[in-house]
């Protein structure tokens, strides 16, 4: 049982949104409770919820001159991009 517990402790999983701005990269943590399985069977999280919970707004996103937004799962320190949004429009 101890061996199983140590294996479970080694599997650390978290989710973040990474906003690639023109001059900086911003990482916004995602509450695990906000991650859902969408109708397409993919993991998802409403970006507006993440902005609000991190005391940010869409105006901040515009101020960052965001080029790309990525929804990322980090498992055992390995990043996996689950969704990528190219920002080719003005907000």
C-alpha atoms as a PDB file:
ATOM      1  CA  UNK A   1       0.000   0.000   0.000  1.00  0.00           C
ATOM      2  CA  UNK A   2       2.852   2.386   0.789  1.00  0.00           C
ATOM      3  CA  UNK A   3       4.246   1.857  -2.711  1.00  0.00           C
ATOM      4  CA  UNK A   4       0.871   2.759  -4.277  1.00  0.00           C
ATOM      5  CA  UNK A   5       0.653   5.918  -2.156  1.00  0.00           C
ATOM      6  CA  UNK A   6       4.101   7.042  -3.279  1.00  0.00           C
ATOM      7  CA  UNK A   7       3.153   6.438  -6.904  1.00  0.00           C
ATOM      8  CA  UNK A   8       0.013   8.528  -6.506  1.00  0.00           C
ATOM      9  CA  UNK A   9       1.992  11.312  -4.914  1.00  0.00           C
ATOM     10  CA  UNK A  10       4.359  11.319  -7.905  1.00  0.00           C
ATOM     11  CA  UNK A  11       1.485  12.026 -10.310  1.00  0.00           C
ATOM     12  CA  UNK A  12       0.918  15.733  -9.958  1.00  0.00           C
ATOM     13  CA  UNK A  13      -1.535  17.275 -12.380  1.00  0.00           C
ATOM     14  CA  UNK A  14      -2.514  20.889 -12.774  1.00  0.00           C
ATOM     15  CA  UNK A  15      -4.024  23.099 -15.445  1.00  0.00           C
ATOM     16  CA  UNK A  16      -3.086  26.591 -16.572  1.00  0.00           C
ATOM     17  CA  UNK A  17      -3.861  29.039 -19.310  1.00  0.00           C
ATOM     18  CA  UNK A  18      -0.724  30.492 -20.894  1.00  0.00           C
ATOM     19  CA  UNK A  19      -1.135  33.813 -22.675  1.00  0.00           C
ATOM     20  CA  UNK A  20       1.656  34.587 -25.120  1.00  0.00           C
ATOM     21  CA  UNK A  21       1.844  38.359 -25.354  1.00  0.00           C
ATOM     22  CA  UNK A  22       4.015  40.393 -27.665  1.00  0.00           C
ATOM     23  CA  UNK A  23       6.376  41.302 -24.822  1.00  0.00           C
ATOM     24  CA  UNK A  24       5.635  38.810 -22.036  1.00  0.00           C
ATOM     25  CA  UNK A  25       4.113  35.432 -21.245  1.00  0.00           C
ATOM     26  CA  UNK A  26       1.421  35.304 -18.579  1.00  0.00           C
ATOM     27  CA  UNK A  27       0.457  32.079 -16.788  1.00  0.00           C
ATOM     28  CA  UNK A  28      -2.983  31.943 -15.191  1.00  0.00           C
ATOM     29  CA  UNK A  29      -3.650  29.020 -12.818  1.00  0.00           C
ATOM     30  CA  UNK A  30      -6.886  27.074 -13.300  1.00  0.00           C
ATOM     31  CA  UNK A  31      -8.896  25.624 -10.403  1.00  0.00           C
ATOM     32  CA  UNK A  32      -9.292  21.877 -10.966  1.00  0.00           C
ATOM     33  CA  UNK A  33     -12.998  22.236 -10.103  1.00  0.00           C
ATOM     34  CA  UNK A  34     -13.441  24.482 -13.176  1.00  0.00           C
ATOM     35  CA  UNK A  35     -12.104  21.888 -15.634  1.00  0.00           C
ATOM     36  CA  UNK A  36     -14.952  20.177 -17.491  1.00  0.00           C
ATOM     37  CA  UNK A  37     -15.419  17.539 -20.140  1.00  0.00           C
ATOM     38  CA  UNK A  38     -17.092  19.341 -23.050  1.00  0.00           C
ATOM     39  CA  UNK A  39     -19.605  17.949 -25.562  1.00  0.00           C
ATOM     40  CA  UNK A  40     -16.746  16.860 -27.845  1.00  0.00           C
ATOM     41  CA  UNK A  41     -15.263  14.743 -25.048  1.00  0.00           C
ATOM     42  CA  UNK A  42     -12.321  17.122 -24.557  1.00  0.00           C
ATOM     43  CA  UNK A  43     -11.114  18.713 -21.338  1.00  0.00           C
ATOM     44  CA  UNK A  44     -11.980  22.383 -21.246  1.00  0.00           C
ATOM     45  CA  UNK A  45     -12.266  25.355 -18.925  1.00  0.00           C
ATOM     46  CA  UNK A  46     -14.081  28.640 -19.597  1.00  0.00           C
ATOM     47  CA  UNK A  47     -11.408  31.285 -20.125  1.00  0.00           C
ATOM     48  CA  UNK A  48     -13.584  34.088 -18.759  1.00  0.00           C
ATOM     49  CA  UNK A  49     -13.872  32.182 -15.461  1.00  0.00           C
ATOM     50  CA  UNK A  50     -10.087  31.894 -15.242  1.00  0.00           C
ATOM     51  CA  UNK A  51      -9.660  35.603 -15.962  1.00  0.00           C
ATOM     52  CA  UNK A  52     -12.173  36.522 -13.254  1.00  0.00           C
ATOM     53  CA  UNK A  53     -10.672  34.178 -10.649  1.00  0.00           C
ATOM     54  CA  UNK A  54      -7.247  35.680 -11.344  1.00  0.00           C
ATOM     55  CA  UNK A  55      -8.631  39.232 -11.015  1.00  0.00           C
ATOM     56  CA  UNK A  56      -8.127  39.906 -14.717  1.00  0.00           C
ATOM     57  CA  UNK A  57     -10.387  41.102 -17.530  1.00  0.00           C
ATOM     58  CA  UNK A  58     -10.511  40.963 -21.308  1.00  0.00           C
ATOM     59  CA  UNK A  59      -9.046  44.470 -21.193  1.00  0.00           C
ATOM     60  CA  UNK A  60      -5.923  42.972 -19.580  1.00  0.00           C
ATOM     61  CA  UNK A  61      -5.782  40.457 -22.407  1.00  0.00           C
ATOM     62  CA  UNK A  62      -5.862  43.318 -24.894  1.00  0.00           C
ATOM     63  CA  UNK A  63      -3.189  45.226 -22.939  1.00  0.00           C
ATOM     64  CA  UNK A  64      -0.925  42.172 -23.071  1.00  0.00           C
ATOM     65  CA  UNK A  65      -1.205  42.227 -26.892  1.00  0.00           C
ATOM     66  CA  UNK A  66      -2.005  38.521 -26.773  1.00  0.00           C
ATOM     67  CA  UNK A  67      -0.892  36.539 -29.817  1.00  0.00           C
ATOM     68  CA  UNK A  68      -1.906  33.103 -28.558  1.00  0.00           C
ATOM     69  CA  UNK A  69      -3.750  31.521 -25.636  1.00  0.00           C
ATOM     70  CA  UNK A  70      -3.066  27.905 -24.661  1.00  0.00           C
ATOM     71  CA  UNK A  71      -4.986  25.678 -22.253  1.00  0.00           C
ATOM     72  CA  UNK A  72      -2.313  23.395 -20.790  1.00  0.00           C
ATOM     73  CA  UNK A  73      -2.262  20.320 -18.563  1.00  0.00           C
ATOM     74  CA  UNK A  74       0.930  19.888 -16.561  1.00  0.00           C
ATOM     75  CA  UNK A  75       1.417  16.334 -15.373  1.00  0.00           C
ATOM     76  CA  UNK A  76       4.642  15.363 -13.591  1.00  0.00           C
ATOM     77  CA  UNK A  77       6.193  18.630 -14.820  1.00  0.00           C
ATOM     78  CA  UNK A  78       5.422  17.806 -18.483  1.00  0.00           C
ATOM     79  CA  UNK A  79       3.276  20.322 -20.368  1.00  0.00           C
ATOM     80  CA  UNK A  80       0.590  19.125 -22.780  1.00  0.00           C
ATOM     81  CA  UNK A  81      -1.319  21.736 -24.777  1.00  0.00           C
ATOM     82  CA  UNK A  82      -4.989  20.744 -24.827  1.00  0.00           C
ATOM     83  CA  UNK A  83      -6.263  23.732 -26.803  1.00  0.00           C
ATOM     84  CA  UNK A  84      -4.630  26.579 -28.698  1.00  0.00           C
ATOM     85  CA  UNK A  85      -6.333  29.822 -29.675  1.00  0.00           C
ATOM     86  CA  UNK A  86      -4.600  32.109 -32.149  1.00  0.00           C
ATOM     87  CA  UNK A  87      -5.421  35.752 -31.499  1.00  0.00           C
ATOM     88  CA  UNK A  88      -5.645  37.331 -34.922  1.00  0.00           C
ATOM     89  CA  UNK A  89      -8.492  39.701 -34.081  1.00  0.00           C
ATOM     90  CA  UNK A  90      -8.672  42.791 -31.908  1.00  0.00           C
ATOM     91  CA  UNK A  91     -10.622  42.471 -28.683  1.00  0.00           C
END
